[in-house]
Protein backbone atom coordinates (compact mmCIF):
# COMPACT_ATOMS: atom_id res chain seq x y z
CA UNK A 1 168.18 -82.34 2.60
CA UNK A 2 171.63 -82.47 1.27
CA UNK A 3 172.44 -86.17 1.09
CA UNK A 4 168.87 -87.39 1.60
CA UNK A 5 165.91 -87.29 -0.69
CA UNK A 6 162.45 -86.04 0.32
CA UNK A 7 161.70 -89.25 2.23
CA UNK A 8 164.81 -89.10 4.39
CA UNK A 9 166.54 -91.95 2.53
CA UNK A 10 170.13 -91.60 1.35
CA UNK A 11 170.52 -90.56 -2.29
CA UNK A 12 171.77 -93.26 -4.61
CA UNK A 13 174.89 -92.33 -6.52
CA UNK A 14 174.10 -91.33 -10.07
CA UNK A 15 176.32 -93.65 -12.11
CA UNK A 16 175.79 -91.76 -15.35
CA UNK A 17 176.81 -88.49 -13.70
CA UNK A 18 179.93 -90.12 -12.24
CA UNK A 19 180.81 -91.56 -15.64
CA UNK A 20 180.34 -88.21 -17.40
CA UNK A 21 182.40 -86.41 -14.76
CA UNK A 22 185.14 -89.05 -15.11
CA UNK A 23 185.22 -88.78 -18.90
CA UNK A 24 185.06 -84.98 -19.05
CA UNK A 25 187.46 -84.39 -16.17
CA UNK A 26 189.86 -87.01 -17.48
CA UNK A 27 189.87 -85.50 -20.98
CA UNK A 28 190.48 -82.01 -19.58
CA UNK A 29 193.40 -83.31 -17.50
CA UNK A 30 194.94 -85.11 -20.50
CA UNK A 31 194.59 -82.03 -22.73
CA UNK A 32 196.14 -79.91 -19.97
CA UNK A 33 199.08 -82.28 -19.60
CA UNK A 34 199.68 -82.11 -23.35
CA UNK A 35 199.55 -78.29 -23.13
CA UNK A 36 201.95 -77.97 -20.17
CA UNK A 37 205.23 -77.47 -22.08
CA UNK A 38 203.67 -75.09 -24.59
CA UNK A 39 202.99 -71.41 -24.04
CA UNK A 40 199.57 -70.99 -22.55
CA UNK A 41 197.43 -72.20 -19.69
CA UNK A 42 198.50 -75.85 -19.50
CA UNK A 43 198.59 -76.08 -15.72
CA UNK A 44 195.35 -74.13 -15.38
CA UNK A 45 193.67 -76.69 -17.63
CA UNK A 46 195.12 -79.59 -15.60
CA UNK A 47 193.86 -78.01 -12.39
CA UNK A 48 190.45 -77.39 -13.99
CA UNK A 49 190.22 -81.06 -14.97
CA UNK A 50 191.09 -82.13 -11.44
CA UNK A 51 188.48 -79.70 -10.11
CA UNK A 52 185.88 -81.32 -12.38
CA UNK A 53 186.90 -84.78 -11.16
CA UNK A 54 186.84 -83.63 -7.53
CA UNK A 55 183.08 -83.03 -7.79
CA UNK A 56 182.58 -86.81 -7.70
CA UNK A 57 185.88 -88.29 -6.57
CA UNK A 58 187.51 -87.37 -3.23
CA UNK A 59 190.93 -88.61 -4.43
CA UNK A 60 190.86 -85.94 -7.17
CA UNK A 61 190.30 -83.22 -4.57
CA UNK A 62 193.31 -84.46 -2.59
CA UNK A 63 195.39 -84.68 -5.78
CA UNK A 64 194.37 -81.15 -6.77
CA UNK A 65 195.48 -79.73 -3.41
CA UNK A 66 198.76 -81.67 -3.58
CA UNK A 67 199.44 -80.65 -7.21
CA UNK A 68 198.78 -76.96 -6.51
CA UNK A 69 201.13 -77.11 -3.53
CA UNK A 70 203.90 -78.74 -5.61
CA UNK A 71 203.30 -76.31 -8.49
CA UNK A 72 203.63 -73.30 -6.18
CA UNK A 73 206.72 -74.78 -4.50
CA UNK A 74 208.40 -75.46 -7.86
CA UNK A 75 207.78 -71.95 -9.17
CA UNK A 76 208.95 -70.44 -5.89
CA UNK A 77 212.14 -72.51 -6.24
CA UNK A 78 212.62 -71.41 -9.88
CA UNK A 79 212.15 -67.77 -8.88
CA UNK A 80 215.13 -67.87 -6.51
CA UNK A 81 217.48 -69.65 -8.92
CA UNK A 82 220.23 -67.85 -10.79
CA UNK A 83 219.95 -67.23 -14.52
CA UNK A 84 221.92 -70.32 -15.69
CA UNK A 85 219.51 -72.66 -13.90
CA UNK A 86 216.51 -70.83 -15.34
CA UNK A 87 218.16 -70.90 -18.77
CA UNK A 88 218.61 -74.68 -18.56
CA UNK A 89 214.94 -75.07 -17.59
CA UNK A 90 213.91 -72.86 -20.51
CA UNK A 91 216.15 -74.83 -22.88
CA UNK A 92 214.61 -78.08 -21.65
CA UNK A 93 211.14 -76.66 -22.34
CA UNK A 94 212.19 -75.63 -25.86
CA UNK A 95 213.60 -79.12 -26.52
CA UNK A 96 210.35 -80.74 -25.38
CA UNK A 97 208.26 -78.43 -27.58
CA UNK A 98 210.48 -78.86 -30.66
CA UNK A 99 210.61 -82.62 -30.12
CA UNK A 100 206.89 -83.07 -29.75
CA UNK A 101 206.18 -80.89 -32.79
CA UNK A 102 208.57 -83.09 -34.78
CA UNK A 103 206.95 -86.28 -33.47
CA UNK A 104 203.48 -85.15 -34.52
CA UNK A 105 204.87 -84.20 -37.96
CA UNK A 106 204.28 -80.44 -37.71
CA UNK A 107 207.57 -79.71 -39.49
CA UNK A 108 206.85 -82.27 -42.21
CA UNK A 109 203.47 -80.69 -42.89
CA UNK A 110 204.98 -77.19 -43.05
CA UNK A 111 207.80 -78.45 -45.30
CA UNK A 112 205.24 -79.87 -47.72
CA UNK A 113 203.43 -76.50 -47.79
CA UNK A 114 206.56 -74.69 -48.95
CA UNK A 115 207.89 -77.48 -51.18
CA UNK A 116 210.86 -78.60 -49.07
CA UNK A 117 211.60 -82.31 -49.46
CA UNK A 118 213.85 -83.05 -46.51
CA UNK A 119 212.95 -86.48 -45.08
CA UNK A 120 214.38 -85.71 -41.62
CA UNK A 121 211.69 -83.06 -41.10
CA UNK A 122 209.02 -85.75 -41.13
CA UNK A 123 207.98 -87.64 -38.00
CA UNK A 124 209.56 -91.04 -37.42
CA UNK A 125 206.19 -92.29 -36.18
CA UNK A 126 204.34 -94.15 -38.95
CA UNK A 127 200.95 -92.94 -37.71
CA UNK A 128 201.82 -89.38 -38.79
CA UNK A 129 203.23 -90.21 -42.24
């Protein structure tokens, strides 16, 4: 009785369950995307979020398969590149990490801890100042 209840009638979709899956899966995907350029399991978290979403949404299952395929293809491509190409990709990653840490005022906070008063270390975004 997989899609039918005990009386042989189709199960009604549980809207609360779908909503909770959407919220939880969506949050996990967003956190994973934020984590991607940083050291750690960013892509694993993105894939986990898509796996959560795929429990209720068929499009998420298709997106998960597509994303895994593209991820594997990209890393296979990187593996066969010469060192200058890999160095440029690594430099790009470092720039993204340094830039996002600056935007969220990480350097400004650390500067305040050690008593450095350099205004350029602080985020240009008013929400973080």
